[in-house]
Protein backbone atom coordinates (compact mmCIF):
# COMPACT_ATOMS: atom_id res chain seq x y z
CA MET A 1 -18.59 74.62 148.39
CA LYS A 2 -22.15 75.60 149.07
CA THR A 3 -24.68 75.07 146.27
CA LYS A 4 -27.59 77.39 145.79
CA GLU A 5 -31.01 75.95 145.89
CA ILE A 6 -32.93 76.74 142.78
CA LYS A 7 -36.43 77.73 143.65
CA PRO A 8 -39.13 76.93 141.15
CA ARG A 9 -40.50 80.02 139.43
CA LYS A 10 -43.96 81.09 140.31
CA LYS A 11 -46.41 80.94 137.49
CA ARG A 12 -47.15 84.41 136.25
CA ILE A 13 -50.84 85.06 136.00
CA VAL A 14 -51.68 87.02 132.90
CA ARG A 15 -54.57 89.35 133.53
CA ARG A 16 -57.23 89.69 130.85
CA LYS A 17 -57.64 93.07 129.25
CA VAL A 18 -61.01 93.99 127.82
CA SER A 19 -59.30 96.29 125.30
CA VAL A 20 -57.32 93.33 123.93
CA ASP A 21 -59.38 90.21 124.69
CA GLY A 22 -62.85 91.72 124.57
CA PRO A 23 -65.44 91.51 127.35
CA ARG A 24 -66.31 88.21 128.96
CA PRO A 25 -69.58 86.73 127.65
CA VAL A 26 -71.06 86.58 131.16
CA ASP A 27 -70.34 90.29 131.71
CA VAL A 28 -71.97 91.12 128.36
CA HIS A 29 -75.06 89.10 129.32
CA VAL A 30 -75.33 90.72 132.76
CA GLY A 31 -74.93 94.14 131.13
CA CYS A 32 -77.67 93.38 128.61
CA ARG A 33 -80.01 92.37 131.42
CA LEU A 34 -79.16 95.60 133.27
CA ARG A 35 -79.97 97.65 130.15
CA LEU A 36 -83.18 95.68 129.56
CA ARG A 37 -84.51 96.26 133.06
CA ARG A 38 -83.44 99.91 133.13
CA THR A 39 -85.17 100.68 129.83
CA LEU A 40 -88.30 98.70 130.75
CA LEU A 41 -88.62 100.89 133.83
CA GLY A 42 -87.93 104.01 131.77
CA ILE A 43 -84.88 104.99 133.82
CA SER A 44 -82.10 106.89 132.06
CA GLN A 45 -78.45 105.96 132.48
CA GLU A 46 -77.95 109.29 134.23
CA LYS A 47 -80.70 108.64 136.80
CA LEU A 48 -79.48 105.11 137.50
CA ALA A 49 -75.90 106.32 137.83
CA GLU A 50 -76.98 109.06 140.21
CA SER A 51 -78.81 106.56 142.42
CA VAL A 52 -75.65 104.46 142.88
CA ASN A 53 -73.25 107.42 142.99
CA LEU A 54 -71.56 106.71 139.65
CA THR A 55 -71.20 108.49 136.32
CA PHE A 56 -73.46 107.54 133.41
CA GLN A 57 -70.30 106.46 131.56
CA GLN A 58 -69.75 103.77 134.20
CA ILE A 59 -73.31 102.51 133.66
CA GLN A 60 -72.58 102.43 129.90
CA LYS A 61 -69.49 100.32 130.56
CA TYR A 62 -71.48 97.94 132.76
CA GLU A 63 -74.14 97.61 130.07
CA ARG A 64 -71.55 96.84 127.37
CA GLY A 65 -69.73 94.35 129.60
CA ALA A 66 -66.55 96.45 129.41
CA ASN A 67 -66.46 96.69 133.21
CA ARG A 68 -67.39 93.90 135.56
CA MET A 69 -69.88 94.37 138.37
CA GLY A 70 -69.00 93.18 141.82
CA ALA A 71 -71.42 91.44 144.15
CA SER A 72 -72.17 94.58 146.17
CA ARG A 73 -72.92 96.57 142.98
CA LEU A 74 -75.24 93.81 141.68
CA TYR A 75 -76.98 93.77 145.05
CA GLU A 76 -77.40 97.55 145.00
CA LEU A 77 -78.69 97.61 141.40
CA SER A 78 -81.09 94.72 142.03
CA GLY A 79 -82.67 96.71 144.85
CA ILE A 80 -83.01 99.86 142.75
CA LEU A 81 -84.38 97.97 139.73
CA ASP A 82 -86.64 95.83 141.97
CA VAL A 83 -85.41 92.45 140.72
CA PRO A 84 -83.64 89.56 142.45
CA ILE A 85 -79.90 89.25 141.77
CA ALA A 86 -80.62 86.07 139.80
CA TYR A 87 -82.48 88.22 137.24
CA PHE A 88 -79.15 89.37 135.81
CA PHE A 89 -78.24 85.74 135.03
CA ASP A 90 -81.66 84.60 133.75
CA ASP A 91 -82.00 83.51 130.12
CA MET A 92 -78.24 83.10 129.76
CA PRO A 93 -77.39 81.27 126.52
CA LYS A 94 -75.96 77.78 126.95
CA ASP A 95 -72.66 78.71 125.27
CA VAL A 96 -72.17 81.47 127.86
CA GLN A 97 -73.12 79.15 130.74
CA ASN A 98 -70.64 76.54 129.57
CA SER A 99 -67.79 78.96 128.91
CA LYS A 100 -64.56 78.31 130.74
CA GLY A 101 -62.69 80.72 132.99
CA THR A 102 -60.05 81.45 130.36
CA PHE A 103 -61.17 83.48 127.40
CA ALA A 104 -57.87 84.17 125.70
CA GLN A 105 -57.94 83.56 121.97
CA GLY A 106 -56.72 80.14 120.95
CA MET A 107 -57.42 78.59 124.34
CA SER A 108 -60.78 77.08 123.50
CA ASP A 109 -61.42 73.78 121.75
CA GLN A 110 -64.39 75.27 119.97
CA ALA A 111 -64.74 78.50 118.03
CA GLN A 112 -66.66 81.13 119.96
CA SER A 113 -69.86 82.25 118.30
CA LYS A 114 -70.94 85.88 118.29
CA MET A 115 -73.79 86.58 120.64
CA ASP A 116 -76.99 87.26 118.72
CA VAL A 117 -78.92 90.32 119.76
CA ASP A 118 -82.32 89.31 121.06
CA PRO A 119 -84.96 91.44 119.29
CA LEU A 120 -86.80 91.75 122.60
CA THR A 121 -83.89 93.65 124.11
CA ARG A 122 -83.59 96.21 121.30
CA ARG A 123 -84.43 99.81 122.21
CA GLU A 124 -87.06 99.98 119.45
CA THR A 125 -88.94 97.02 120.92
CA LEU A 126 -88.81 98.39 124.45
CA GLU A 127 -90.03 101.82 123.36
CA LEU A 128 -92.86 100.21 121.39
CA VAL A 129 -93.97 98.20 124.43
CA ARG A 130 -93.80 101.26 126.67
CA ALA A 131 -95.82 103.34 124.20
CA TYR A 132 -98.37 100.52 123.85
CA TYR A 133 -99.00 100.39 127.58
CA LYS A 134 -99.38 104.17 127.76
CA ILE A 135 -102.58 103.79 125.72
CA THR A 136 -105.23 104.04 128.42
CA ASN A 137 -108.23 103.00 126.33
CA ALA A 138 -108.31 99.19 126.42
CA THR A 139 -110.37 98.97 123.20
CA VAL A 140 -107.89 101.08 121.25
CA ARG A 141 -104.99 99.09 122.69
CA LYS A 142 -106.62 95.80 121.64
CA ARG A 143 -107.36 97.05 118.11
CA LEU A 144 -103.77 98.29 117.75
CA TYR A 145 -102.53 94.87 118.86
CA GLU A 146 -104.74 93.16 116.26
CA LEU A 147 -103.57 95.58 113.56
CA VAL A 148 -99.89 94.94 114.29
CA ARG A 149 -100.46 91.18 114.33
CA SER A 150 -102.21 91.26 110.97
CA ILE A 151 -99.46 93.41 109.43
CA GLY A 152 -96.85 91.02 110.82
CA LYS A 153 -98.58 88.02 109.24
CA SER A 154 -98.91 89.62 105.82
CA GLY A 155 -95.26 90.77 105.61
CA PRO A 156 -92.47 88.90 103.77
CA GLU A 157 -91.36 85.75 105.55
């Protein structure tokens, strides 16, 4: 009688789903850096999307971290936004740098903290900076700066 060899089962790799697991912290950070640079340059999502032959919805997904960017896309965007590829990974929080490859809930030894929104990356801040630098008179710009600083110091702390 011939016995069948039992082959060991292959491990099934479970693919992450953004809709279920949420975006990866690294993708969120890279997306935030993309949004920051785009808005600092005053480029709309539509214009950026057009320059890389995508829809503005795809740029939105990149900026939220819902879709991951491949190496060729990062390379293309870095050229358009005039930054090195490393720019997208600069200022990455330590908890994101130290995150493991698996992000499924319950797999981490430590609770994951919510990423704080840096006030410097908020649209309001970026628009304020852009408007400030549109002031051509250096004296007016300096006086506005001093006014804002004094208001900031006198506010509630």
